[in-house]
Amino acid sequence: MATNTNVTIHTFVYKHASSLDLQLDLLLPKGADAASASSCAPLPIFYWHHGGGAIQGRRQAVPPHMLHAANTHRFAIISPDYRLAPQVRLDAICEDLVDAFRFAVDELPAKAKGVKLDTHNILVSGSSVGGFLALLVALGMCPALALSSSSSASLLARIKGVPIIYPITTFDVPFFRDAQEPFLGYLLKSEAEDSAFKTFVDPSSPVCANTDASSGDVNPLRNKFYMYAQQTAPVSGFQQLVYGDQLIEAGWLQSSDTVVFLRKNAEAIKQALSGGRGARLYAIHGDADKAVDVSQVRDLVAAATEARVPIEYEELKGIDHMFDYDPKITLDGFYAWCVKAWGL
């Protein structure tokens, strides 16, 4: 157990895969520990997936506004790690997403030592590629939690909404196929030519599920892998890294397009989410985002609107990626929507 000024953090192993213990964090607001849990109402769950293009990132990267909001509005945050590409591809990542979500619903309440979690009142969220992963889970796009499967119904019914922050919605676009200016600037020549990137790009390298470099176990350059992918595409771009030839040939680029899936399956999604009371989406994105082009979320908004899936969208003028890691950012409108979606 760890603490910071805002929350108490409990870490759990949710599965073992690729010789790794895959972990998730449960972050609790002040006063929600076991000693006081008996007098508290069950906490609704904000289930958040970290960003990093599915090639870097860590569960600990919860933005400051989220920690502040957990105390203000009294909710629990769950943040899972998942195996990272290209040492695994999106199919294995989807397996991790579903296993983590099932663990959070089926096992975590008992393992959390008396903390009361409302596992029937979940918002599935994420930032950047985490928004994409949130959509894959919540819309029933992962094979092990398929919208078309009756066995998925009880899990999907627990999802009351999908609030996402500057989300990727598909990798099947030129922005993720072709080279782009890296959103944090081009790597130095010495960095780009560092042999570490050859290791990161090699699918046969050891699998990684968390790029926290503070312990010394992870090369700090791994946290510049997103920029490397942007500037070296298509050879080492996101389509190759996240999917690889086998999944591309199998049609995964197209089948994981959340905009296309939403258009085709809107009625089934509305019936599946929130116990048949309908899907609800919220998205926020800056129009100057150089890591995830704003056209991605605009297409999602258009598809949801056309399909009459309720969606609220806030587009921020002149704002780039990761703006919300500024401690002054509170996203009040975002959390007001969350409170309403939870029914608080």
Protein backbone atom coordinates (compact mmCIF):
# COMPACT_ATOMS: atom_id res chain seq x y z
CA MET A 1 0.00 0.00 0.00
CA ALA A 2 1.21 3.50 -0.85
CA THR A 3 -0.16 6.96 -0.20
CA ASN A 4 0.18 10.43 -1.62
CA THR A 5 -1.46 13.69 -0.63
CA ASN A 6 -4.70 12.75 -2.33
CA VAL A 7 -5.28 9.00 -2.33
CA THR A 8 -4.31 5.63 -0.94
CA ILE A 9 -2.96 3.21 -3.53
CA HIS A 10 -3.30 -0.58 -3.32
CA THR A 11 -1.57 -2.71 -5.96
CA PHE A 12 -2.77 -6.17 -7.03
CA VAL A 13 -1.56 -8.80 -9.49
CA TYR A 14 -4.43 -9.63 -11.81
CA LYS A 15 -2.70 -12.25 -13.98
CA HIS A 16 0.64 -13.80 -14.87
CA ALA A 17 1.63 -13.74 -18.54
CA SER A 18 4.85 -13.63 -20.58
CA SER A 19 6.84 -14.24 -17.37
CA LEU A 20 5.39 -11.06 -15.87
CA ASP A 21 3.07 -10.33 -12.97
CA LEU A 22 0.57 -7.92 -14.53
CA GLN A 23 -0.66 -5.43 -11.97
CA LEU A 24 -3.41 -2.92 -11.44
CA ASP A 25 -3.72 -0.12 -8.93
CA LEU A 26 -6.78 0.66 -6.84
CA LEU A 27 -6.69 4.31 -5.82
CA LEU A 28 -9.03 5.28 -2.99
CA PRO A 29 -10.09 8.72 -1.77
CA LYS A 30 -9.36 9.80 1.75
CA GLY A 31 -11.47 8.02 4.32
CA ALA A 32 -12.30 5.03 2.15
CA ASP A 33 -9.98 2.60 3.93
CA ALA A 34 -11.21 -0.53 5.64
CA ALA A 35 -11.50 1.14 9.02
CA SER A 36 -14.17 3.56 7.87
CA ALA A 37 -15.66 1.58 4.99
CA SER A 38 -18.56 0.22 7.02
CA SER A 39 -20.03 3.71 7.37
CA CYS A 40 -19.47 4.73 3.74
CA ALA A 41 -21.56 4.13 0.65
CA PRO A 42 -19.97 1.87 -1.99
CA LEU A 43 -17.62 3.79 -4.24
CA PRO A 44 -18.42 4.02 -7.95
CA ILE A 45 -15.50 3.02 -10.14
CA PHE A 46 -13.53 5.11 -12.62
CA TYR A 47 -11.70 2.45 -14.63
CA TRP A 48 -8.85 4.21 -16.47
CA HIS A 49 -6.40 2.97 -19.13
CA HIS A 50 -3.08 4.79 -19.50
CA GLY A 51 -1.77 6.19 -22.76
CA GLY A 52 1.50 5.68 -24.63
CA GLY A 53 0.42 4.36 -28.03
CA ALA A 54 0.32 0.77 -26.64
CA ILE A 55 4.14 0.77 -26.87
CA GLN A 56 5.01 2.62 -23.67
CA GLY A 57 3.27 3.85 -20.50
CA ARG A 58 2.45 2.81 -16.96
CA ARG A 59 -0.49 2.42 -14.66
CA GLN A 60 0.99 4.99 -12.24
CA ALA A 61 0.53 7.85 -14.76
CA VAL A 62 -2.85 8.91 -13.37
CA PRO A 63 -3.19 12.67 -14.04
CA PRO A 64 -3.48 15.11 -11.11
CA HIS A 65 -7.05 16.15 -11.92
CA MET A 66 -8.19 12.56 -11.54
CA LEU A 67 -6.69 12.24 -8.06
CA HIS A 68 -8.30 15.54 -7.04
CA ALA A 69 -11.68 14.52 -8.45
CA ALA A 70 -11.60 11.15 -6.66
CA ASN A 71 -11.64 13.01 -3.35
CA THR A 72 -14.08 15.70 -4.43
CA HIS A 73 -16.65 13.29 -5.84
CA ARG A 74 -15.82 10.16 -3.81
CA PHE A 75 -14.98 7.49 -6.35
CA ALA A 76 -12.37 4.76 -6.72
CA ILE A 77 -9.88 4.72 -9.59
CA ILE A 78 -8.65 1.46 -11.09
CA SER A 79 -5.62 1.69 -13.37
CA PRO A 80 -4.24 -1.50 -14.97
CA ASP A 81 -0.97 -2.25 -16.68
CA TYR A 82 -1.12 -4.29 -19.88
CA ARG A 83 1.56 -5.88 -22.01
CA LEU A 84 3.07 -3.50 -24.53
CA ALA A 85 3.70 -3.83 -28.26
CA PRO A 86 5.56 -4.87 -30.29
CA GLN A 87 6.62 -7.77 -28.07
CA VAL A 88 2.93 -8.63 -28.02
CA ARG A 89 0.32 -7.33 -30.45
CA LEU A 90 -3.15 -5.93 -30.01
CA ASP A 91 -4.78 -9.36 -29.69
CA ALA A 92 -2.76 -10.12 -26.54
CA ILE A 93 -3.32 -6.60 -25.22
CA CYS A 94 -7.07 -7.19 -25.59
CA GLU A 95 -6.72 -10.37 -23.55
CA ASP A 96 -5.06 -8.36 -20.78
CA LEU A 97 -7.75 -5.67 -20.89
CA VAL A 98 -10.54 -8.20 -20.42
CA ASP A 99 -8.70 -10.18 -17.75
CA ALA A 100 -8.01 -7.00 -15.78
CA PHE A 101 -11.62 -5.87 -16.06
CA ARG A 102 -12.95 -9.27 -14.97
CA PHE A 103 -10.54 -9.28 -12.03
CA ALA A 104 -11.72 -5.82 -10.99
CA VAL A 105 -15.35 -6.94 -11.02
CA ASP A 106 -15.08 -10.52 -9.76
CA GLU A 107 -12.07 -10.61 -7.41
CA LEU A 108 -10.99 -7.14 -6.40
CA PRO A 109 -13.87 -6.38 -4.00
CA ALA A 110 -12.87 -9.34 -1.81
CA LYS A 111 -9.14 -8.60 -2.05
CA ALA A 112 -9.57 -4.92 -1.17
CA LYS A 113 -9.97 -5.80 2.53
CA GLY A 114 -13.33 -4.35 3.33
CA VAL A 115 -13.38 -1.37 1.00
CA LYS A 116 -16.82 -1.18 -0.59
CA LEU A 117 -16.72 -0.91 -4.38
CA ASP A 118 -19.83 -0.52 -6.52
CA THR A 119 -18.94 -2.92 -9.31
CA HIS A 120 -22.32 -2.30 -10.94
CA ASN A 121 -21.51 1.38 -11.43
CA ILE A 122 -18.42 1.65 -13.63
CA LEU A 123 -17.17 4.27 -16.05
CA VAL A 124 -14.57 2.93 -18.47
CA SER A 125 -12.08 5.62 -19.39
CA GLY A 126 -8.65 6.22 -20.83
CA SER A 127 -6.33 8.82 -22.27
CA SER A 128 -4.82 8.76 -25.76
CA VAL A 129 -4.46 5.08 -26.71
CA GLY A 130 -6.07 4.41 -23.35
CA GLY A 131 -9.22 5.97 -24.78
CA PHE A 132 -9.00 3.54 -27.68
CA LEU A 133 -8.58 0.63 -25.28
CA ALA A 134 -11.52 1.89 -23.21
CA LEU A 135 -13.68 1.85 -26.33
CA LEU A 136 -12.53 -1.68 -27.23
CA VAL A 137 -13.59 -2.90 -23.80
CA ALA A 138 -16.79 -0.92 -23.32
CA LEU A 139 -18.18 -1.39 -26.83
CA GLY A 140 -17.58 -5.14 -26.71
CA MET A 141 -14.84 -5.20 -29.33
CA CYS A 142 -12.38 -7.50 -27.53
CA PRO A 143 -12.84 -11.15 -28.61
CA ALA A 144 -13.07 -12.34 -24.99
CA LEU A 145 -15.70 -9.71 -24.18
CA ALA A 146 -17.51 -9.64 -27.49
CA LEU A 147 -20.70 -7.65 -27.87
CA SER A 148 -22.21 -10.57 -29.76
CA SER A 149 -21.57 -13.06 -26.93
CA SER A 150 -24.23 -13.68 -24.29
CA SER A 151 -21.47 -14.37 -21.77
CA SER A 152 -20.39 -10.71 -22.02
CA ALA A 153 -23.76 -9.29 -21.06
CA SER A 154 -23.32 -9.18 -17.29
CA LEU A 155 -20.00 -7.34 -17.54
CA LEU A 156 -21.02 -4.83 -20.21
CA ALA A 157 -24.21 -4.05 -18.28
CA ARG A 158 -22.09 -2.66 -15.43
CA ILE A 159 -20.64 0.07 -17.68
CA LYS A 160 -22.58 3.31 -17.26
CA GLY A 161 -20.52 5.42 -19.62
CA VAL A 162 -17.27 5.95 -21.50
CA PRO A 163 -15.53 9.27 -20.75
CA ILE A 164 -12.32 9.53 -22.80
CA ILE A 165 -9.53 12.08 -23.11
CA TYR A 166 -7.85 12.88 -26.48
CA PRO A 167 -8.58 9.33 -27.67
CA ILE A 168 -7.22 7.37 -30.57
CA THR A 169 -10.27 5.85 -32.27
CA THR A 170 -8.54 3.88 -35.04
CA PHE A 171 -5.02 3.11 -36.22
CA ASP A 172 -6.33 2.56 -39.76
CA VAL A 173 -5.53 6.10 -40.93
CA PRO A 174 -2.54 7.77 -42.64
CA PHE A 175 -1.71 9.63 -39.41
CA PHE A 176 -0.66 6.32 -37.81
CA ARG A 177 0.71 4.80 -41.01
CA ASP A 178 3.01 7.58 -42.20
CA ALA A 179 5.77 9.57 -40.52
CA GLN A 180 4.72 12.56 -38.41
CA GLU A 181 6.50 15.32 -36.55
CA PRO A 182 6.90 13.88 -33.03
CA PHE A 183 4.60 15.69 -30.64
CA LEU A 184 7.39 16.34 -28.13
CA GLY A 185 9.96 17.12 -30.81
CA TYR A 186 12.35 15.08 -32.93
CA LEU A 187 14.73 12.80 -31.11
CA LEU A 188 18.37 13.78 -31.06
CA LYS A 189 20.40 11.88 -33.63
CA SER A 190 22.30 10.17 -30.84
CA GLU A 191 19.00 9.05 -29.31
CA ALA A 192 17.39 7.90 -32.56
CA GLU A 193 20.48 5.84 -33.41
CA ASP A 194 20.79 4.36 -29.92
CA SER A 195 20.85 0.57 -30.00
CA ALA A 196 18.12 0.54 -27.35
CA PHE A 197 15.51 1.34 -30.00
CA LYS A 198 16.54 -1.73 -31.97
CA THR A 199 15.69 -3.72 -28.86
CA PHE A 200 12.36 -1.95 -28.39
CA VAL A 201 11.37 -2.56 -32.02
CA ASP A 202 12.39 -6.24 -31.96
CA PRO A 203 9.27 -8.39 -31.33
CA SER A 204 11.47 -11.11 -29.83
CA SER A 205 12.79 -8.87 -27.04
CA PRO A 206 11.53 -9.49 -23.49
CA VAL A 207 7.94 -8.40 -22.94
CA CYS A 208 7.38 -5.18 -21.01
CA ALA A 209 4.18 -4.09 -19.27
CA ASN A 210 5.28 -0.89 -17.53
CA THR A 211 7.86 1.69 -18.59
CA ASP A 212 8.47 3.29 -15.21
CA ALA A 213 12.20 4.07 -15.47
CA SER A 214 12.61 5.22 -11.86
CA SER A 215 13.63 1.78 -10.61
CA GLY A 216 16.42 1.43 -13.15
CA ASP A 217 14.85 -1.69 -14.68
CA VAL A 218 13.60 0.18 -17.77
CA ASN A 219 15.73 2.14 -20.21
CA PRO A 220 14.50 5.77 -20.07
CA LEU A 221 14.51 5.88 -23.87
CA ARG A 222 11.53 3.51 -23.82
CA ASN A 223 9.50 6.54 -22.78
CA LYS A 224 10.45 8.24 -26.05
CA PHE A 225 9.26 5.27 -28.12
CA TYR A 226 6.10 7.15 -29.16
CA MET A 227 8.20 9.91 -30.73
CA TYR A 228 10.47 7.33 -32.34
CA ALA A 229 7.46 5.62 -33.91
CA GLN A 230 6.10 8.93 -35.20
CA GLN A 231 9.34 9.90 -36.92
CA THR A 232 10.35 6.47 -38.27
CA ALA A 233 7.00 5.35 -39.71
CA PRO A 234 6.08 3.42 -41.74
CA VAL A 235 9.06 1.11 -41.10
CA SER A 236 8.68 1.29 -37.31
CA GLY A 237 5.35 3.07 -37.16
CA PHE A 238 2.33 2.30 -35.04
CA GLN A 239 0.59 -0.02 -37.48
CA GLN A 240 3.62 -2.29 -37.62
CA LEU A 241 4.35 -2.06 -33.91
CA VAL A 242 0.84 -2.54 -32.52
CA TYR A 243 -0.52 -4.96 -35.13
CA GLY A 244 2.33 -6.53 -37.08
CA ASP A 245 1.92 -8.24 -40.42
CA GLN A 246 -0.09 -11.17 -39.09
CA LEU A 247 -2.86 -9.10 -37.50
CA ILE A 248 -2.89 -6.66 -40.41
CA GLU A 249 -3.39 -9.54 -42.83
CA ALA A 250 -6.13 -10.93 -40.57
CA GLY A 251 -8.05 -7.64 -40.81
CA TRP A 252 -7.49 -6.35 -37.28
CA LEU A 253 -6.79 -2.80 -38.44
CA GLN A 254 -10.32 -2.64 -39.83
CA SER A 255 -12.08 -4.71 -37.16
CA SER A 256 -10.62 -2.56 -34.35
CA ASP A 257 -11.81 0.70 -35.92
CA THR A 258 -14.13 1.96 -33.17
CA VAL A 259 -15.90 4.46 -35.42
CA VAL A 260 -16.84 1.82 -37.97
CA PHE A 261 -17.85 -0.60 -35.22
CA LEU A 262 -20.06 1.99 -33.53
CA ARG A 263 -21.86 2.76 -36.78
CA LYS A 264 -22.50 -0.92 -37.49
CA ASN A 265 -23.49 -1.96 -33.98
CA ALA A 266 -25.07 1.10 -32.39
CA GLU A 267 -28.36 -0.56 -31.45
CA ALA A 268 -26.68 -3.59 -29.90
CA ILE A 269 -24.29 -1.34 -27.97
CA LYS A 270 -27.17 0.73 -26.61
CA GLN A 271 -28.88 -2.45 -25.42
CA ALA A 272 -25.76 -3.95 -23.87
CA LEU A 273 -24.36 -1.05 -21.87
CA SER A 274 -25.81 0.08 -18.57
CA GLY A 275 -28.20 -2.85 -18.37
CA GLY A 276 -30.02 -1.82 -21.54
CA ARG A 277 -30.41 1.80 -20.49
CA GLY A 278 -28.07 2.89 -23.26
CA ALA A 279 -24.53 3.90 -24.01
CA ARG A 280 -23.22 7.32 -22.98
CA LEU A 281 -20.00 8.84 -24.23
CA TYR A 282 -17.99 11.94 -23.35
CA ALA A 283 -14.85 13.07 -25.13
CA ILE A 284 -12.47 15.98 -24.73
CA HIS A 285 -9.70 16.81 -27.20
CA GLY A 286 -7.48 19.73 -28.15
CA ASP A 287 -7.59 20.87 -31.76
CA ALA A 288 -3.79 21.35 -31.82
CA ASP A 289 -3.00 17.78 -30.74
CA LYS A 290 0.12 16.50 -32.53
CA ALA A 291 0.09 13.04 -30.95
CA VAL A 292 -3.51 12.10 -31.84
CA ASP A 293 -5.08 14.11 -34.62
CA VAL A 294 -8.36 15.72 -33.57
CA SER A 295 -10.07 14.29 -36.66
CA GLN A 296 -10.12 10.96 -34.80
CA VAL A 297 -12.56 12.10 -32.13
CA ARG A 298 -14.52 14.25 -34.57
CA ASP A 299 -15.25 11.11 -36.58
CA LEU A 300 -16.36 9.32 -33.41
CA VAL A 301 -18.68 12.19 -32.49
CA ALA A 302 -20.17 12.19 -35.99
CA ALA A 303 -20.74 8.42 -35.89
CA ALA A 304 -22.33 8.54 -32.43
CA THR A 305 -24.56 11.46 -33.38
CA GLU A 306 -25.67 9.74 -36.57
CA ALA A 307 -26.44 6.55 -34.61
CA ARG A 308 -28.22 8.47 -31.83
CA VAL A 309 -25.75 7.31 -29.21
CA PRO A 310 -25.60 10.11 -26.62
CA ILE A 311 -22.24 11.84 -26.72
CA GLU A 312 -20.94 15.07 -25.26
CA TYR A 313 -17.83 16.57 -26.80
CA GLU A 314 -15.57 19.39 -25.69
CA GLU A 315 -12.98 20.61 -28.19
CA LEU A 316 -10.28 22.89 -26.80
CA LYS A 317 -8.88 25.56 -29.08
CA GLY A 318 -5.11 25.64 -29.49
CA ILE A 319 -4.52 22.80 -26.98
CA ASP A 320 -2.01 19.98 -27.53
CA HIS A 321 -1.67 16.46 -26.17
CA MET A 322 -1.33 15.75 -22.44
CA PHE A 323 -2.59 19.22 -21.51
CA ASP A 324 -4.36 17.72 -18.51
CA TYR A 325 -1.11 16.83 -16.72
CA ASP A 326 -0.84 20.48 -15.75
CA PRO A 327 -1.76 20.48 -12.02
CA LYS A 328 -3.93 23.55 -12.57
CA ILE A 329 -6.28 21.65 -14.89
CA THR A 330 -9.38 20.30 -13.14
CA LEU A 331 -11.73 19.23 -15.99
CA ASP A 332 -14.80 20.24 -14.01
CA GLY A 333 -17.19 19.63 -16.89
CA PHE A 334 -15.74 16.18 -17.50
CA TYR A 335 -16.33 15.12 -13.90
CA ALA A 336 -19.75 16.74 -13.72
CA TRP A 337 -20.70 14.43 -16.60
CA CYS A 338 -19.19 11.45 -14.73
CA VAL A 339 -21.20 12.20 -11.59
CA LYS A 340 -24.37 12.34 -13.66
CA ALA A 341 -23.52 9.10 -15.47
CA TRP A 342 -22.99 7.34 -12.14
CA GLY A 343 -26.30 8.67 -10.91
CA LEU A 344 -24.77 10.34 -7.86
